[in-house]
Amino acid sequence: MLAPDDVFDARHHRYRPIFPGKGYKLGGFRISPFEVHHDVPCNNYIIDHYAAGRILFLIDTYLCEYKFSNLSHIIIEANYADDILEENILRGIEHPSKRERLLTSHMELETTKAVLMAQDLSQVKNIILTHLSDQNSDEGRFVDEIKALTGKPVYAAKAGLTIELTQKPF
């Protein structure tokens, strides 16, 4: 079991801590954790697999200053849109303090777009949006805007969604 050291209260024989900047092998996967900006310590991952290629897993962060190449798939947070959040605050659906927390914990749609455009998307097969807020996002809008921006197939993660990540024959 791989996880950041502070995740486990009890140690056992299957526990193996991970550290940013160090690579790990798990079955056919090579996993490279890296630190991101969140309101609590958080790692994200580059995951390499012979059949799926290189996957960027980027959630629970409000920005990413890293640039990655040779990506096959991107799983990225698009938690909220500032205009939706602002409207919800004005209507009393969200407390104004919600904005302060989101600014230091989760990725706003325009930030998601900027992070994507900073990456080399030439080999990307699909983009999967995740961690969409129930109240402060619009799944259809987010998918459409990212698709128009990147020219890539874009999906919003949800229960039951299946996406083929294999890019090479076994």
C-alpha atoms as a PDB file:
ATOM      1  CA  MET A   1       0.000   0.000   0.000  1.00  0.00           C
ATOM      2  CA  LEU A   2       1.558   3.321  -1.130  1.00  0.00           C
ATOM      3  CA  ALA A   3       0.509   6.598   0.483  1.00  0.00           C
ATOM      4  CA  PRO A   4       1.996   9.749   1.996  1.00  0.00           C
ATOM      5  CA  ASP A   5       3.569   9.021   5.372  1.00  0.00           C
ATOM      6  CA  ASP A   6       1.017  11.059   7.361  1.00  0.00           C
ATOM      7  CA  VAL A   7      -1.972   9.109   5.979  1.00  0.00           C
ATOM      8  CA  PHE A   8      -1.522   6.032   8.138  1.00  0.00           C
ATOM      9  CA  ASP A   9      -2.147   6.025  11.877  1.00  0.00           C
ATOM     10  CA  ALA A  10      -1.184   2.386  12.245  1.00  0.00           C
ATOM     11  CA  ARG A  11       1.847   0.852  10.550  1.00  0.00           C
ATOM     12  CA  HIS A  12       1.664  -2.647   9.141  1.00  0.00           C
ATOM     13  CA  HIS A  13       3.706  -4.878   6.902  1.00  0.00           C
ATOM     14  CA  ARG A  14       2.010  -3.690   3.682  1.00  0.00           C
ATOM     15  CA  TYR A  15       2.515   0.012   4.413  1.00  0.00           C
ATOM     16  CA  ARG A  16       5.011   1.861   2.227  1.00  0.00           C
ATOM     17  CA  PRO A  17       5.326   5.659   2.547  1.00  0.00           C
ATOM     18  CA  ILE A  18       5.847   7.771  -0.556  1.00  0.00           C
ATOM     19  CA  PHE A  19       7.726  11.029  -0.854  1.00  0.00           C
ATOM     20  CA  PRO A  20       7.533  13.754  -3.514  1.00  0.00           C
ATOM     21  CA  GLY A  21      10.390  13.658  -5.997  1.00  0.00           C
ATOM     22  CA  LYS A  22      10.946   9.919  -5.601  1.00  0.00           C
ATOM     23  CA  GLY A  23       9.614   7.323  -8.051  1.00  0.00           C
ATOM     24  CA  TYR A  24       7.814   4.092  -7.172  1.00  0.00           C
ATOM     25  CA  LYS A  25       6.854   0.911  -9.021  1.00  0.00           C
ATOM     26  CA  LEU A  26       3.570  -0.808  -8.343  1.00  0.00           C
ATOM     27  CA  GLY A  27       2.761  -3.685 -10.670  1.00  0.00           C
ATOM     28  CA  GLY A  28       3.106  -2.318 -14.205  1.00  0.00           C
ATOM     29  CA  PHE A  29       2.881   1.287 -13.011  1.00  0.00           C
ATOM     30  CA  ARG A  30       5.628   3.801 -12.338  1.00  0.00           C
ATOM     31  CA  ILE A  31       4.338   6.489  -9.998  1.00  0.00           C
ATOM     32  CA  SER A  32       6.046   9.846  -9.466  1.00  0.00           C
ATOM     33  CA  PRO A  33       4.484  11.979  -6.709  1.00  0.00           C
ATOM     34  CA  PHE A  34       4.923  15.736  -6.635  1.00  0.00           C
ATOM     35  CA  GLU A  35       3.766  18.384  -4.193  1.00  0.00           C
ATOM     36  CA  VAL A  36       0.913  20.740  -5.012  1.00  0.00           C
ATOM     37  CA  HIS A  37      -0.671  23.774  -3.376  1.00  0.00           C
ATOM     38  CA  HIS A  38      -3.630  22.942  -1.136  1.00  0.00           C
ATOM     39  CA  ASP A  39      -4.796  23.983   2.317  1.00  0.00           C
ATOM     40  CA  VAL A  40      -3.364  20.729   3.698  1.00  0.00           C
ATOM     41  CA  PRO A  41      -0.299  18.773   2.486  1.00  0.00           C
ATOM     42  CA  CYS A  42      -1.162  17.010  -0.752  1.00  0.00           C
ATOM     43  CA  ASN A  43       0.626  15.061  -3.473  1.00  0.00           C
ATOM     44  CA  ASN A  44      -0.379  14.572  -7.070  1.00  0.00           C
ATOM     45  CA  TYR A  45       1.062  12.111  -9.536  1.00  0.00           C
ATOM     46  CA  ILE A  46       2.538  11.335 -12.906  1.00  0.00           C
ATOM     47  CA  ILE A  47       1.646   7.720 -13.614  1.00  0.00           C
ATOM     48  CA  ASP A  48       3.417   5.810 -16.379  1.00  0.00           C
ATOM     49  CA  HIS A  49       2.123   2.508 -17.721  1.00  0.00           C
ATOM     50  CA  TYR A  50       3.255   0.596 -20.804  1.00  0.00           C
ATOM     51  CA  ALA A  51      -0.280   0.319 -22.209  1.00  0.00           C
ATOM     52  CA  ALA A  52      -1.888   3.563 -21.005  1.00  0.00           C
ATOM     53  CA  GLY A  53       1.085   5.874 -21.491  1.00  0.00           C
ATOM     54  CA  ARG A  54       1.707   8.834 -19.203  1.00  0.00           C
ATOM     55  CA  ILE A  55      -1.166  10.062 -17.036  1.00  0.00           C
ATOM     56  CA  LEU A  56      -1.182  13.378 -15.177  1.00  0.00           C
ATOM     57  CA  PHE A  57      -3.346  13.161 -12.047  1.00  0.00           C
ATOM     58  CA  LEU A  58      -3.904  16.706 -10.754  1.00  0.00           C
ATOM     59  CA  ILE A  59      -6.535  17.385  -8.073  1.00  0.00           C
ATOM     60  CA  ASP A  60      -6.852  19.103  -4.691  1.00  0.00           C
ATOM     61  CA  THR A  61      -4.747  22.063  -5.713  1.00  0.00           C
ATOM     62  CA  TYR A  62      -5.414  25.653  -6.663  1.00  0.00           C
ATOM     63  CA  LEU A  63      -2.543  25.885  -9.163  1.00  0.00           C
ATOM     64  CA  CYS A  64       0.225  23.918 -10.813  1.00  0.00           C
ATOM     65  CA  GLU A  65       3.473  25.521 -11.862  1.00  0.00           C
ATOM     66  CA  TYR A  66       4.851  22.322 -13.417  1.00  0.00           C
ATOM     67  CA  LYS A  67       4.949  21.590 -17.136  1.00  0.00           C
ATOM     68  CA  PHE A  68       4.806  17.999 -18.295  1.00  0.00           C
ATOM     69  CA  SER A  69       5.519  16.433 -21.670  1.00  0.00           C
ATOM     70  CA  ASN A  70       4.604  13.144 -23.347  1.00  0.00           C
ATOM     71  CA  LEU A  71       1.212  13.078 -21.619  1.00  0.00           C
ATOM     72  CA  SER A  72      -1.357  10.575 -22.887  1.00  0.00           C
ATOM     73  CA  HIS A  73      -4.203  11.382 -20.497  1.00  0.00           C
ATOM     74  CA  ILE A  74      -4.933  14.186 -18.065  1.00  0.00           C
ATOM     75  CA  ILE A  75      -7.149  13.853 -15.012  1.00  0.00           C
ATOM     76  CA  ILE A  76      -7.519  17.386 -13.676  1.00  0.00           C
ATOM     77  CA  GLU A  77      -9.591  19.276 -11.170  1.00  0.00           C
ATOM     78  CA  ALA A  78     -12.059  21.915 -12.347  1.00  0.00           C
ATOM     79  CA  ASN A  79     -13.794  22.563  -9.055  1.00  0.00           C
ATOM     80  CA  TYR A  80     -15.680  25.809  -9.599  1.00  0.00           C
ATOM     81  CA  ALA A  81     -16.224  28.842 -11.808  1.00  0.00           C
ATOM     82  CA  ASP A  82     -15.752  32.195 -10.161  1.00  0.00           C
ATOM     83  CA  ASP A  83     -18.896  33.664 -11.750  1.00  0.00           C
ATOM     84  CA  ILE A  84     -21.048  30.777 -10.456  1.00  0.00           C
ATOM     85  CA  LEU A  85     -19.514  31.030  -6.994  1.00  0.00           C
ATOM     86  CA  GLU A  86     -20.056  34.806  -6.912  1.00  0.00           C
ATOM     87  CA  GLU A  87     -23.699  34.403  -7.944  1.00  0.00           C
ATOM     88  CA  ASN A  88     -24.199  31.752  -5.247  1.00  0.00           C
ATOM     89  CA  ILE A  89     -22.685  34.059  -2.626  1.00  0.00           C
ATOM     90  CA  LEU A  90     -24.942  36.933  -3.716  1.00  0.00           C
ATOM     91  CA  ARG A  91     -28.002  34.653  -3.592  1.00  0.00           C
ATOM     92  CA  GLY A  92     -27.064  33.402  -0.107  1.00  0.00           C
ATOM     93  CA  ILE A  93     -26.471  29.825  -1.274  1.00  0.00           C
ATOM     94  CA  GLU A  94     -22.786  30.011  -0.305  1.00  0.00           C
ATOM     95  CA  HIS A  95     -21.198  31.860   2.599  1.00  0.00           C
ATOM     96  CA  PRO A  96     -18.634  34.513   1.557  1.00  0.00           C
ATOM     97  CA  SER A  97     -15.966  32.619   3.509  1.00  0.00           C
ATOM     98  CA  LYS A  98     -16.251  29.812   0.960  1.00  0.00           C
ATOM     99  CA  ARG A  99     -14.385  31.987  -1.561  1.00  0.00           C
ATOM    100  CA  GLU A 100     -11.414  32.377   0.800  1.00  0.00           C
ATOM    101  CA  ARG A 101     -11.102  28.627   1.292  1.00  0.00           C
ATOM    102  CA  LEU A 102     -11.445  27.835  -2.408  1.00  0.00           C
ATOM    103  CA  LEU A 103      -8.740  30.338  -3.331  1.00  0.00           C
ATOM    104  CA  THR A 104      -6.226  28.287  -1.342  1.00  0.00           C
ATOM    105  CA  SER A 105      -7.478  24.776  -1.960  1.00  0.00           C
ATOM    106  CA  HIS A 106      -9.198  24.105  -5.301  1.00  0.00           C
ATOM    107  CA  MET A 107      -8.772  24.912  -8.974  1.00  0.00           C
ATOM    108  CA  GLU A 108     -11.075  27.445 -10.599  1.00  0.00           C
ATOM    109  CA  LEU A 109     -12.094  26.822 -14.224  1.00  0.00           C
ATOM    110  CA  GLU A 110      -9.863  29.562 -15.677  1.00  0.00           C
ATOM    111  CA  THR A 111      -6.893  28.200 -13.722  1.00  0.00           C
ATOM    112  CA  THR A 112      -7.638  24.716 -15.049  1.00  0.00           C
ATOM    113  CA  LYS A 113      -7.568  26.143 -18.571  1.00  0.00           C
ATOM    114  CA  ALA A 114      -4.270  27.936 -17.947  1.00  0.00           C
ATOM    115  CA  VAL A 115      -2.665  24.798 -16.496  1.00  0.00           C
ATOM    116  CA  LEU A 116      -3.821  22.746 -19.473  1.00  0.00           C
ATOM    117  CA  MET A 117      -2.518  25.280 -21.986  1.00  0.00           C
ATOM    118  CA  ALA A 118       0.886  25.279 -20.258  1.00  0.00           C
ATOM    119  CA  GLN A 119       1.222  21.536 -20.946  1.00  0.00           C
ATOM    120  CA  ASP A 120       2.330  19.807 -24.134  1.00  0.00           C
ATOM    121  CA  LEU A 121      -1.027  18.457 -25.312  1.00  0.00           C
ATOM    122  CA  SER A 122       0.233  17.040 -28.612  1.00  0.00           C
ATOM    123  CA  GLN A 123      -0.066  13.386 -27.507  1.00  0.00           C
ATOM    124  CA  VAL A 124      -3.025  13.739 -25.136  1.00  0.00           C
ATOM    125  CA  LYS A 125      -5.846  11.326 -25.969  1.00  0.00           C
ATOM    126  CA  ASN A 126      -8.379  12.696 -23.489  1.00  0.00           C
ATOM    127  CA  ILE A 127      -8.916  15.056 -20.586  1.00  0.00           C
ATOM    128  CA  ILE A 128     -11.002  14.027 -17.608  1.00  0.00           C
ATOM    129  CA  LEU A 129     -12.356  16.803 -15.397  1.00  0.00           C
ATOM    130  CA  THR A 130     -12.783  15.833 -11.790  1.00  0.00           C
ATOM    131  CA  HIS A 131     -13.682  17.265  -8.403  1.00  0.00           C
ATOM    132  CA  LEU A 132     -16.461  19.471  -9.837  1.00  0.00           C
ATOM    133  CA  SER A 133     -18.358  21.282  -7.089  1.00  0.00           C
ATOM    134  CA  ASP A 134     -22.013  20.302  -6.784  1.00  0.00           C
ATOM    135  CA  GLN A 135     -23.079  23.948  -6.399  1.00  0.00           C
ATOM    136  CA  ASN A 136     -20.346  26.027  -8.001  1.00  0.00           C
ATOM    137  CA  SER A 137     -19.722  24.275 -11.309  1.00  0.00           C
ATOM    138  CA  ASP A 138     -21.580  23.515 -14.515  1.00  0.00           C
ATOM    139  CA  GLU A 139     -20.534  20.168 -15.968  1.00  0.00           C
ATOM    140  CA  GLY A 140     -21.743  20.845 -19.515  1.00  0.00           C
ATOM    141  CA  ARG A 141     -20.186  24.284 -19.642  1.00  0.00           C
ATOM    142  CA  PHE A 142     -16.872  23.072 -18.207  1.00  0.00           C
ATOM    143  CA  VAL A 143     -16.632  20.168 -20.671  1.00  0.00           C
ATOM    144  CA  ASP A 144     -17.559  22.397 -23.625  1.00  0.00           C
ATOM    145  CA  GLU A 145     -15.092  25.139 -22.705  1.00  0.00           C
ATOM    146  CA  ILE A 146     -12.170  22.766 -22.171  1.00  0.00           C
ATOM    147  CA  LYS A 147     -12.998  20.882 -25.381  1.00  0.00           C
ATOM    148  CA  ALA A 148     -13.135  24.151 -27.368  1.00  0.00           C
ATOM    149  CA  LEU A 149      -9.860  25.334 -25.836  1.00  0.00           C
ATOM    150  CA  THR A 150      -7.853  22.123 -26.274  1.00  0.00           C
ATOM    151  CA  GLY A 151      -9.479  20.342 -29.220  1.00  0.00           C
ATOM    152  CA  LYS A 152      -9.313  17.117 -27.190  1.00  0.00           C
ATOM    153  CA  PRO A 153     -12.047  14.729 -26.046  1.00  0.00           C
ATOM    154  CA  VAL A 154     -13.150  15.916 -22.596  1.00  0.00           C
ATOM    155  CA  TYR A 155     -15.194  14.069 -19.987  1.00  0.00           C
ATOM    156  CA  ALA A 156     -16.482  14.934 -16.535  1.00  0.00           C
ATOM    157  CA  ALA A 157     -15.749  12.185 -14.031  1.00  0.00           C
ATOM    158  CA  LYS A 158     -18.846  10.640 -12.489  1.00  0.00           C
ATOM    159  CA  ALA A 159     -20.013   7.309 -11.151  1.00  0.00           C
ATOM    160  CA  GLY A 160     -20.216   4.683 -13.864  1.00  0.00           C
ATOM    161  CA  LEU A 161     -18.080   6.572 -16.413  1.00  0.00           C
ATOM    162  CA  THR A 162     -15.704   4.265 -18.277  1.00  0.00           C
ATOM    163  CA  ILE A 163     -12.889   5.658 -20.414  1.00  0.00           C
ATOM    164  CA  GLU A 164     -10.439   3.553 -22.390  1.00  0.00           C
ATOM    165  CA  LEU A 165      -6.931   4.563 -21.367  1.00  0.00           C
ATOM    166  CA  THR A 166      -5.097   1.930 -23.370  1.00  0.00           C
ATOM    167  CA  GLN A 167      -3.172   3.484 -26.203  1.00  0.00           C
ATOM    168  CA  LYS A 168      -0.956   0.570 -27.192  1.00  0.00           C
ATOM    169  CA  PRO A 169      -1.863  -3.058 -27.879  1.00  0.00           C
ATOM    170  CA  PHE A 170      -0.946  -5.490 -25.109  1.00  0.00           C
END
